[in-house]
């Protein structure tokens, strides 16, 4: 396989990552609807910790840098929380 062919494969993977991230943000919209109906706060530290822990465990299994994965998932969670605030009409609170 040539360098260009490998780069094309990387490009496809990058696009799939972005599609999955967009899907996750769509799910954040569904989550905030349920939270509003049930009177649940948007931010749930316990759930956020669970998500990060689960990601780090899987990263370890896959031979990935767990520290980098932890930071990545913190960013993804922050994006999700921001999206939920936006969709709830609250905006992002400090």
PDB file of N, CA and C in Angstrom:
ATOM      1  N   UNK A   1       0.850  -1.178   0.000  1.00  0.00           N
ATOM      2  CA  UNK A   1       0.000   0.000   0.000  1.00  0.00           C
ATOM      3  C   UNK A   1       0.897   1.242   0.000  1.00  0.00           C
ATOM      4  N   UNK A   2       0.538   2.212  -0.802  1.00  0.00           N
ATOM      5  CA  UNK A   2       1.325   3.444  -0.880  1.00  0.00           C
ATOM      6  C   UNK A   2       0.934   4.400   0.244  1.00  0.00           C
ATOM      7  N   UNK A   3       1.757   5.415   0.426  1.00  0.00           N
ATOM      8  CA  UNK A   3       1.476   6.443   1.430  1.00  0.00           C
ATOM      9  C   UNK A   3       0.128   7.103   1.160  1.00  0.00           C
ATOM     10  N   UNK A   4      -0.133   7.427  -0.079  1.00  0.00           N
ATOM     11  CA  UNK A   4      -1.404   8.078  -0.428  1.00  0.00           C
ATOM     12  C   UNK A   4      -2.599   7.173  -0.132  1.00  0.00           C
ATOM     13  N   UNK A   5      -2.444   5.893  -0.370  1.00  0.00           N
ATOM     14  CA  UNK A   5      -3.536   4.955  -0.083  1.00  0.00           C
ATOM     15  C   UNK A   5      -3.796   4.857   1.418  1.00  0.00           C
ATOM     16  N   UNK A   6      -2.729   4.840   2.188  1.00  0.00           N
ATOM     17  CA  UNK A   6      -2.891   4.800   3.647  1.00  0.00           C
ATOM     18  C   UNK A   6      -3.529   6.096   4.131  1.00  0.00           C
ATOM     19  N   UNK A   7      -3.099   7.215   3.575  1.00  0.00           N
ATOM     20  CA  UNK A   7      -3.701   8.508   3.956  1.00  0.00           C
ATOM     21  C   UNK A   7      -5.182   8.552   3.607  1.00  0.00           C
ATOM     22  N   UNK A   8      -5.548   7.935   2.506  1.00  0.00           N
ATOM     23  CA  UNK A   8      -6.960   7.869   2.127  1.00  0.00           C
ATOM     24  C   UNK A   8      -7.744   7.048   3.152  1.00  0.00           C
ATOM     25  N   UNK A   9      -7.169   5.973   3.641  1.00  0.00           N
ATOM     26  CA  UNK A   9      -7.803   5.167   4.688  1.00  0.00           C
ATOM     27  C   UNK A   9      -7.953   5.980   5.976  1.00  0.00           C
ATOM     28  N   UNK A  10      -6.914   6.737   6.326  1.00  0.00           N
ATOM     29  CA  UNK A  10      -6.972   7.601   7.512  1.00  0.00           C
ATOM     30  C   UNK A  10      -8.088   8.625   7.341  1.00  0.00           C
ATOM     31  N   UNK A  11      -8.202   9.199   6.158  1.00  0.00           N
ATOM     32  CA  UNK A  11      -9.263  10.177   5.873  1.00  0.00           C
ATOM     33  C   UNK A  11     -10.643   9.556   6.106  1.00  0.00           C
ATOM     34  N   UNK A  12     -10.820   8.318   5.653  1.00  0.00           N
ATOM     35  CA  UNK A  12     -12.102   7.631   5.847  1.00  0.00           C
ATOM     36  C   UNK A  12     -12.388   7.412   7.332  1.00  0.00           C
ATOM     37  N   UNK A  13     -11.363   7.026   8.074  1.00  0.00           N
ATOM     38  CA  UNK A  13     -11.527   6.824   9.520  1.00  0.00           C
ATOM     39  C   UNK A  13     -11.880   8.147  10.192  1.00  0.00           C
ATOM     40  N   UNK A  14     -11.192   9.226   9.808  1.00  0.00           N
ATOM     41  CA  UNK A  14     -11.482  10.547  10.377  1.00  0.00           C
ATOM     42  C   UNK A  14     -12.931  10.951  10.127  1.00  0.00           C
ATOM     43  N   UNK A  15     -13.415  10.711   8.913  1.00  0.00           N
ATOM     44  CA  UNK A  15     -14.805  11.046   8.589  1.00  0.00           C
ATOM     45  C   UNK A  15     -15.779  10.216   9.423  1.00  0.00           C
ATOM     46  N   UNK A  16     -15.453   8.960   9.637  1.00  0.00           N
ATOM     47  CA  UNK A  16     -16.312   8.102  10.464  1.00  0.00           C
ATOM     48  C   UNK A  16     -16.332   8.586  11.912  1.00  0.00           C
ATOM     49  N   UNK A  17     -15.179   9.006  12.412  1.00  0.00           N
ATOM     50  CA  UNK A  17     -15.119   9.564  13.771  1.00  0.00           C
ATOM     51  C   UNK A  17     -16.032  10.778  13.868  1.00  0.00           C
ATOM     52  N   UNK A  18     -15.987  11.652  12.861  1.00  0.00           N
ATOM     53  CA  UNK A  18     -16.836  12.847  12.875  1.00  0.00           C
ATOM     54  C   UNK A  18     -18.316  12.487  12.791  1.00  0.00           C
ATOM     55  N   UNK A  19     -18.652  11.495  11.978  1.00  0.00           N
ATOM     56  CA  UNK A  19     -20.054  11.047  11.903  1.00  0.00           C
ATOM     57  C   UNK A  19     -20.531  10.512  13.256  1.00  0.00           C
ATOM     58  N   UNK A  20     -19.673   9.747  13.908  1.00  0.00           N
ATOM     59  CA  UNK A  20     -20.030   9.202  15.222  1.00  0.00           C
ATOM     60  C   UNK A  20     -20.163  10.309  16.262  1.00  0.00           C
ATOM     61  N   UNK A  21     -19.309  11.319  16.176  1.00  0.00           N
ATOM     62  CA  UNK A  21     -19.403  12.450  17.096  1.00  0.00           C
ATOM     63  C   UNK A  21     -20.711  13.212  16.870  1.00  0.00           C
ATOM     64  N   UNK A  22     -21.086  13.400  15.611  1.00  0.00           N
ATOM     65  CA  UNK A  22     -22.360  14.060  15.302  1.00  0.00           C
ATOM     66  C   UNK A  22     -23.529  13.238  15.839  1.00  0.00           C
ATOM     67  N   UNK A  23     -23.458  11.929  15.700  1.00  0.00           N
ATOM     68  CA  UNK A  23     -24.516  11.056  16.231  1.00  0.00           C
ATOM     69  C   UNK A  23     -24.593  11.177  17.747  1.00  0.00           C
ATOM     70  N   UNK A  24     -23.433  11.265  18.399  1.00  0.00           N
ATOM     71  CA  UNK A  24     -23.417  11.404  19.856  1.00  0.00           C
ATOM     72  C   UNK A  24     -24.076  12.713  20.272  1.00  0.00           C
ATOM     73  N   UNK A  25     -23.857  13.781  19.512  1.00  0.00           N
ATOM     74  CA  UNK A  25     -24.476  15.067  19.827  1.00  0.00           C
ATOM     75  C   UNK A  25     -25.989  15.003  19.600  1.00  0.00           C
ATOM     76  N   UNK A  26     -26.430  14.236  18.598  1.00  0.00           N
ATOM     77  CA  UNK A  26     -27.870  14.036  18.400  1.00  0.00           C
ATOM     78  C   UNK A  26     -28.476  13.309  19.598  1.00  0.00           C
ATOM     79  N   UNK A  27     -27.765  12.323  20.096  1.00  0.00           N
ATOM     80  CA  UNK A  27     -28.238  11.595  21.276  1.00  0.00           C
ATOM     81  C   UNK A  27     -28.294  12.509  22.496  1.00  0.00           C
ATOM     82  N   UNK A  28     -27.380  13.478  22.568  1.00  0.00           N
ATOM     83  CA  UNK A  28     -27.414  14.451  23.667  1.00  0.00           C
ATOM     84  C   UNK A  28     -28.734  15.214  23.639  1.00  0.00           C
ATOM     85  N   UNK A  29     -29.236  15.483  22.436  1.00  0.00           N
ATOM     86  CA  UNK A  29     -30.528  16.147  22.306  1.00  0.00           C
ATOM     87  C   UNK A  29     -31.661  15.299  22.850  1.00  0.00           C
ATOM     88  N   UNK A  30     -31.623  14.023  22.580  1.00  0.00           N
ATOM     89  CA  UNK A  30     -32.656  13.132  23.111  1.00  0.00           C
ATOM     90  C   UNK A  30     -32.543  13.018  24.625  1.00  0.00           C
ATOM     91  N   UNK A  31     -31.303  12.982  25.111  1.00  0.00           N
ATOM     92  CA  UNK A  31     -31.080  12.881  26.554  1.00  0.00           C
ATOM     93  C   UNK A  31     -31.642  14.097  27.276  1.00  0.00           C
ATOM     94  N   UNK A  32     -31.382  15.300  26.732  1.00  0.00           N
ATOM     95  CA  UNK A  32     -31.847  16.510  27.421  1.00  0.00           C
ATOM     96  C   UNK A  32     -33.373  16.568  27.449  1.00  0.00           C
ATOM     97  N   UNK A  33     -34.036  16.053  26.419  1.00  0.00           N
ATOM     98  CA  UNK A  33     -35.505  16.015  26.429  1.00  0.00           C
ATOM     99  C   UNK A  33     -36.004  15.152  27.590  1.00  0.00           C
ATOM    100  N   UNK A  34     -35.393  14.006  27.765  1.00  0.00           N
ATOM    101  CA  UNK A  34     -35.783  13.097  28.851  1.00  0.00           C
ATOM    102  C   UNK A  34     -35.480  13.728  30.204  1.00  0.00           C
ATOM    103  N   UNK A  35     -34.303  14.333  30.323  1.00  0.00           N
ATOM    104  CA  UNK A  35     -33.922  14.972  31.584  1.00  0.00           C
ATOM    105  C   UNK A  35     -34.904  16.086  31.949  1.00  0.00           C
ATOM    106  N   UNK A  36     -35.323  16.888  30.955  1.00  0.00           N
ATOM    107  CA  UNK A  36     -36.282  17.968  31.231  1.00  0.00           C
ATOM    108  C   UNK A  36     -37.610  17.405  31.718  1.00  0.00           C
ATOM    109  N   UNK A  37     -38.097  16.360  31.053  1.00  0.00           N
ATOM    110  CA  UNK A  37     -39.371  15.746  31.439  1.00  0.00           C
ATOM    111  C   UNK A  37     -39.322  15.178  32.846  1.00  0.00           C
ATOM    112  N   UNK A  38     -38.165  14.617  33.205  1.00  0.00           N
ATOM    113  CA  UNK A  38     -38.036  13.958  34.501  1.00  0.00           C
ATOM    114  C   UNK A  38     -37.447  14.860  35.576  1.00  0.00           C
ATOM    115  N   UNK A  39     -37.177  16.123  35.235  1.00  0.00           N
ATOM    116  CA  UNK A  39     -36.645  17.066  36.214  1.00  0.00           C
ATOM    117  C   UNK A  39     -35.233  16.745  36.676  1.00  0.00           C
ATOM    118  N   UNK A  40     -34.439  16.175  35.780  1.00  0.00           N
ATOM    119  CA  UNK A  40     -33.062  15.793  36.107  1.00  0.00           C
ATOM    120  C   UNK A  40     -32.112  16.881  35.624  1.00  0.00           C
ATOM    121  N   UNK A  41     -31.119  17.198  36.440  1.00  0.00           N
ATOM    122  CA  UNK A  41     -30.119  18.200  36.063  1.00  0.00           C
ATOM    123  C   UNK A  41     -29.339  17.727  34.840  1.00  0.00           C
ATOM    124  N   UNK A  42     -28.892  18.688  34.037  1.00  0.00           N
ATOM    125  CA  UNK A  42     -28.135  18.348  32.833  1.00  0.00           C
ATOM    126  C   UNK A  42     -26.814  17.681  33.179  1.00  0.00           C
ATOM    127  N   UNK A  43     -26.054  18.287  34.076  1.00  0.00           N
ATOM    128  CA  UNK A  43     -24.741  17.727  34.399  1.00  0.00           C
ATOM    129  C   UNK A  43     -24.881  16.641  35.466  1.00  0.00           C
ATOM    130  N   UNK A  44     -24.300  15.495  35.182  1.00  0.00           N
ATOM    131  CA  UNK A  44     -24.336  14.353  36.096  1.00  0.00           C
ATOM    132  C   UNK A  44     -22.903  13.851  36.252  1.00  0.00           C
ATOM    133  N   UNK A  45     -22.218  14.345  37.283  1.00  0.00           N
ATOM    134  CA  UNK A  45     -20.806  14.011  37.477  1.00  0.00           C
ATOM    135  C   UNK A  45     -20.569  12.509  37.579  1.00  0.00           C
ATOM    136  N   UNK A  46     -21.472  11.818  38.239  1.00  0.00           N
ATOM    137  CA  UNK A  46     -21.316  10.368  38.402  1.00  0.00           C
ATOM    138  C   UNK A  46     -21.348   9.667  37.039  1.00  0.00           C
ATOM    139  N   UNK A  47     -22.290  10.049  36.194  1.00  0.00           N
ATOM    140  CA  UNK A  47     -22.386   9.461  34.852  1.00  0.00           C
ATOM    141  C   UNK A  47     -21.162   9.826  34.015  1.00  0.00           C
ATOM    142  N   UNK A  48     -20.719  11.077  34.125  1.00  0.00           N
ATOM    143  CA  UNK A  48     -19.543  11.509  33.375  1.00  0.00           C
ATOM    144  C   UNK A  48     -18.316  10.688  33.764  1.00  0.00           C
ATOM    145  N   UNK A  49     -18.149  10.460  35.059  1.00  0.00           N
ATOM    146  CA  UNK A  49     -17.027   9.644  35.539  1.00  0.00           C
ATOM    147  C   UNK A  49     -17.129   8.213  35.019  1.00  0.00           C
ATOM    148  N   UNK A  50     -18.338   7.679  34.976  1.00  0.00           N
ATOM    149  CA  UNK A  50     -18.557   6.328  34.465  1.00  0.00           C
ATOM    150  C   UNK A  50     -18.166   6.228  32.988  1.00  0.00           C
ATOM    151  N   UNK A  51     -18.554   7.225  32.214  1.00  0.00           N
ATOM    152  CA  UNK A  51     -18.225   7.241  30.783  1.00  0.00           C
ATOM    153  C   UNK A  51     -16.713   7.274  30.585  1.00  0.00           C
ATOM    154  N   UNK A  52     -16.027   8.139  31.335  1.00  0.00           N
ATOM    155  CA  UNK A  52     -14.569   8.245  31.217  1.00  0.00           C
ATOM    156  C   UNK A  52     -13.905   6.939  31.647  1.00  0.00           C
ATOM    157  N   UNK A  53     -14.369   6.372  32.744  1.00  0.00           N
ATOM    158  CA  UNK A  53     -13.794   5.113  33.236  1.00  0.00           C
ATOM    159  C   UNK A  53     -13.959   4.004  32.208  1.00  0.00           C
ATOM    160  N   UNK A  54     -15.150   3.895  31.645  1.00  0.00           N
ATOM    161  CA  UNK A  54     -15.428   2.870  30.634  1.00  0.00           C
ATOM    162  C   UNK A  54     -14.531   3.060  29.403  1.00  0.00           C
ATOM    163  N   UNK A  55     -14.354   4.310  28.991  1.00  0.00           N
ATOM    164  CA  UNK A  55     -13.500   4.601  27.833  1.00  0.00           C
ATOM    165  C   UNK A  55     -12.046   4.246  28.117  1.00  0.00           C
ATOM    166  N   UNK A  56     -11.584   4.557  29.323  1.00  0.00           N
ATOM    167  CA  UNK A  56     -10.196   4.255  29.675  1.00  0.00           C
ATOM    168  C   UNK A  56      -9.957   2.747  29.753  1.00  0.00           C
ATOM    169  N   UNK A  57     -10.926   2.013  30.266  1.00  0.00           N
ATOM    170  CA  UNK A  57     -10.796   0.555  30.328  1.00  0.00           C
ATOM    171  C   UNK A  57     -10.702  -0.035  28.925  1.00  0.00           C
ATOM    172  N   UNK A  58     -11.548   0.451  28.026  1.00  0.00           N
ATOM    173  CA  UNK A  58     -11.526  -0.041  26.646  1.00  0.00           C
ATOM    174  C   UNK A  58     -10.235   0.390  25.954  1.00  0.00           C
ATOM    175  N   UNK A  59      -9.767   1.598  26.233  1.00  0.00           N
ATOM    176  CA  UNK A  59      -8.512   2.080  25.657  1.00  0.00           C
ATOM    177  C   UNK A  59      -7.357   1.177  26.062  1.00  0.00           C
ATOM    178  N   UNK A  60      -7.354   0.781  27.316  1.00  0.00           N
ATOM    179  CA  UNK A  60      -6.303  -0.112  27.815  1.00  0.00           C
ATOM    180  C   UNK A  60      -6.332  -1.451  27.069  1.00  0.00           C
ATOM    181  N   UNK A  61      -7.543  -1.995  26.890  1.00  0.00           N
ATOM    182  CA  UNK A  61      -7.703  -3.249  26.141  1.00  0.00           C
ATOM    183  C   UNK A  61      -7.175  -3.120  24.715  1.00  0.00           C
ATOM    184  N   UNK A  62      -7.372  -1.941  24.128  1.00  0.00           N
ATOM    185  CA  UNK A  62      -6.993  -1.713  22.729  1.00  0.00           C
ATOM    186  C   UNK A  62      -5.556  -1.232  22.566  1.00  0.00           C
ATOM    187  N   UNK A  63      -4.855  -1.068  23.681  1.00  0.00           N
ATOM    188  CA  UNK A  63      -3.467  -0.628  23.619  1.00  0.00           C
ATOM    189  C   UNK A  63      -3.306   0.850  23.321  1.00  0.00           C
ATOM    190  N   UNK A  64      -4.311   1.638  23.681  1.00  0.00           N
ATOM    191  CA  UNK A  64      -4.262   3.084  23.453  1.00  0.00           C
ATOM    192  C   UNK A  64      -3.745   3.806  24.690  1.00  0.00           C
ATOM    193  N   UNK A  65      -3.299   5.020  24.507  1.00  0.00           N
ATOM    194  CA  UNK A  65      -2.833   5.877  25.597  1.00  0.00           C
ATOM    195  C   UNK A  65      -4.047   6.282  26.438  1.00  0.00           C
ATOM    196  N   UNK A  66      -4.155   5.724  27.648  1.00  0.00           N
ATOM    197  CA  UNK A  66      -5.338   5.977  28.484  1.00  0.00           C
ATOM    198  C   UNK A  66      -5.445   7.438  28.900  1.00  0.00           C
ATOM    199  N   UNK A  67      -4.318   8.105  29.105  1.00  0.00           N
ATOM    200  CA  UNK A  67      -4.354   9.520  29.463  1.00  0.00           C
ATOM    201  C   UNK A  67      -4.939  10.366  28.346  1.00  0.00           C
ATOM    202  N   UNK A  68      -4.530  10.075  27.120  1.00  0.00           N
ATOM    203  CA  UNK A  68      -5.055  10.811  25.968  1.00  0.00           C
ATOM    204  C   UNK A  68      -6.539  10.526  25.776  1.00  0.00           C
ATOM    205  N   UNK A  69      -6.931   9.269  25.955  1.00  0.00           N
ATOM    206  CA  UNK A  69      -8.342   8.900  25.816  1.00  0.00           C
ATOM    207  C   UNK A  69      -9.173   9.584  26.897  1.00  0.00           C
ATOM    208  N   UNK A  70      -8.640   9.665  28.107  1.00  0.00           N
ATOM    209  CA  UNK A  70      -9.343  10.353  29.196  1.00  0.00           C
ATOM    210  C   UNK A  70      -9.598  11.806  28.821  1.00  0.00           C
ATOM    211  N   UNK A  71      -8.576  12.489  28.314  1.00  0.00           N
ATOM    212  CA  UNK A  71      -8.729  13.893  27.918  1.00  0.00           C
ATOM    213  C   UNK A  71      -9.710  14.029  26.757  1.00  0.00           C
ATOM    214  N   UNK A  72      -9.636  13.126  25.796  1.00  0.00           N
ATOM    215  CA  UNK A  72     -10.545  13.151  24.656  1.00  0.00           C
ATOM    216  C   UNK A  72     -11.991  13.017  25.114  1.00  0.00           C
ATOM    217  N   UNK A  73     -12.249  12.088  26.012  1.00  0.00           N
ATOM    218  CA  UNK A  73     -13.619  11.888  26.471  1.00  0.00           C
ATOM    219  C   UNK A  73     -14.102  13.029  27.359  1.00  0.00           C
ATOM    220  N   UNK A  74     -13.208  13.685  28.069  1.00  0.00           N
ATOM    221  CA  UNK A  74     -13.607  14.874  28.822  1.00  0.00           C
ATOM    222  C   UNK A  74     -14.090  15.958  27.861  1.00  0.00           C
ATOM    223  N   UNK A  75     -13.407  16.105  26.727  1.00  0.00           N
ATOM    224  CA  UNK A  75     -13.819  17.084  25.714  1.00  0.00           C
ATOM    225  C   UNK A  75     -15.167  16.685  25.116  1.00  0.00           C
ATOM    226  N   UNK A  76     -15.336  15.414  24.799  1.00  0.00           N
ATOM    227  CA  UNK A  76     -16.599  14.940  24.228  1.00  0.00           C
ATOM    228  C   UNK A  76     -17.748  15.155  25.209  1.00  0.00           C
ATOM    229  N   UNK A  77     -17.525  14.861  26.472  1.00  0.00           N
ATOM    230  CA  UNK A  77     -18.555  15.070  27.494  1.00  0.00           C
ATOM    231  C   UNK A  77     -18.883  16.552  27.615  1.00  0.00           C
ATOM    232  N   UNK A  78     -17.865  17.399  27.597  1.00  0.00           N
ATOM    233  CA  UNK A  78     -18.090  18.842  27.676  1.00  0.00           C
ATOM    234  C   UNK A  78     -18.910  19.330  26.481  1.00  0.00           C
ATOM    235  N   UNK A  79     -18.614  18.803  25.293  1.00  0.00           N
ATOM    236  CA  UNK A  79     -19.406  19.147  24.106  1.00  0.00           C
ATOM    237  C   UNK A  79     -20.859  18.730  24.290  1.00  0.00           C
ATOM    238  N   UNK A  80     -21.072  17.555  24.846  1.00  0.00           N
ATOM    239  CA  UNK A  80     -22.417  17.039  25.060  1.00  0.00           C
ATOM    240  C   UNK A  80     -23.186  17.892  26.067  1.00  0.00           C
ATOM    241  N   UNK A  81     -22.514  18.258  27.147  1.00  0.00           N
ATOM    242  CA  UNK A  81     -23.147  19.106  28.163  1.00  0.00           C
ATOM    243  C   UNK A  81     -23.501  20.463  27.568  1.00  0.00           C
ATOM    244  N   UNK A  82     -22.585  21.039  26.803  1.00  0.00           N
ATOM    245  CA  UNK A  82     -22.847  22.329  26.151  1.00  0.00           C
ATOM    246  C   UNK A  82     -24.039  22.221  25.214  1.00  0.00           C
ATOM    247  N   UNK A  83     -24.091  21.137  24.450  1.00  0.00           N
ATOM    248  CA  UNK A  83     -25.202  20.922  23.519  1.00  0.00           C
ATOM    249  C   UNK A  83     -26.517  20.790  24.280  1.00  0.00           C
ATOM    250  N   UNK A  84     -26.508  20.079  25.385  1.00  0.00           N
ATOM    251  CA  UNK A  84     -27.725  19.917  26.173  1.00  0.00           C
ATOM    252  C   UNK A  84     -28.195  21.256  26.736  1.00  0.00           C
ATOM    253  N   UNK A  85     -27.258  22.076  27.218  1.00  0.00           N
ATOM    254  CA  UNK A  85     -27.630  23.404  27.710  1.00  0.00           C
ATOM    255  C   UNK A  85     -28.213  24.244  26.578  1.00  0.00           C
ATOM    256  N   UNK A  86     -27.584  24.180  25.424  1.00  0.00           N
ATOM    257  CA  UNK A  86     -28.052  24.933  24.260  1.00  0.00           C
ATOM    258  C   UNK A  86     -29.469  24.518  23.882  1.00  0.00           C
ATOM    259  N   UNK A  87     -29.711  23.226  23.812  1.00  0.00           N
ATOM    260  CA  UNK A  87     -31.021  22.719  23.410  1.00  0.00           C
ATOM    261  C   UNK A  87     -32.092  22.948  24.468  1.00  0.00           C
ATOM    262  N   UNK A  88     -31.681  23.050  25.718  1.00  0.00           N
ATOM    263  CA  UNK A  88     -32.658  23.269  26.785  1.00  0.00           C
ATOM    264  C   UNK A  88     -33.039  24.742  26.895  1.00  0.00           C
ATOM    265  N   UNK A  89     -32.306  25.594  26.162  1.00  0.00           N
ATOM    266  CA  UNK A  89     -32.574  27.026  26.216  1.00  0.00           C
ATOM    267  C   UNK A  89     -31.862  27.725  27.345  1.00  0.00           C
ATOM    268  N   UNK A  90     -31.036  27.000  28.082  1.00  0.00           N
ATOM    269  CA  UNK A  90     -30.325  27.585  29.216  1.00  0.00           C
ATOM    270  C   UNK A  90     -29.038  28.280  28.803  1.00  0.00           C
ATOM    271  N   UNK A  91     -28.470  27.897  27.677  1.00  0.00           N
ATOM    272  CA  UNK A  91     -27.128  28.359  27.345  1.00  0.00           C
ATOM    273  C   UNK A  91     -26.156  27.663  28.277  1.00  0.00           C
ATOM    274  N   UNK A  92     -24.885  27.855  28.059  1.00  0.00           N
ATOM    275  CA  UNK A  92     -23.885  27.195  28.918  1.00  0.00           C
ATOM    276  C   UNK A  92     -23.675  28.031  30.156  1.00  0.00           C
ATOM    277  N   UNK A  93     -23.938  27.452  31.299  1.00  0.00           N
ATOM    278  CA  UNK A  93     -23.773  28.155  32.560  1.00  0.00           C
ATOM    279  C   UNK A  93     -22.328  28.037  33.018  1.00  0.00           C
ATOM    280  N   UNK A  94     -21.812  29.076  33.691  1.00  0.00           N
ATOM    281  CA  UNK A  94     -20.410  29.021  34.144  1.00  0.00           C
ATOM    282  C   UNK A  94     -20.182  27.953  35.194  1.00  0.00           C
TER     283      UNK A  94
END
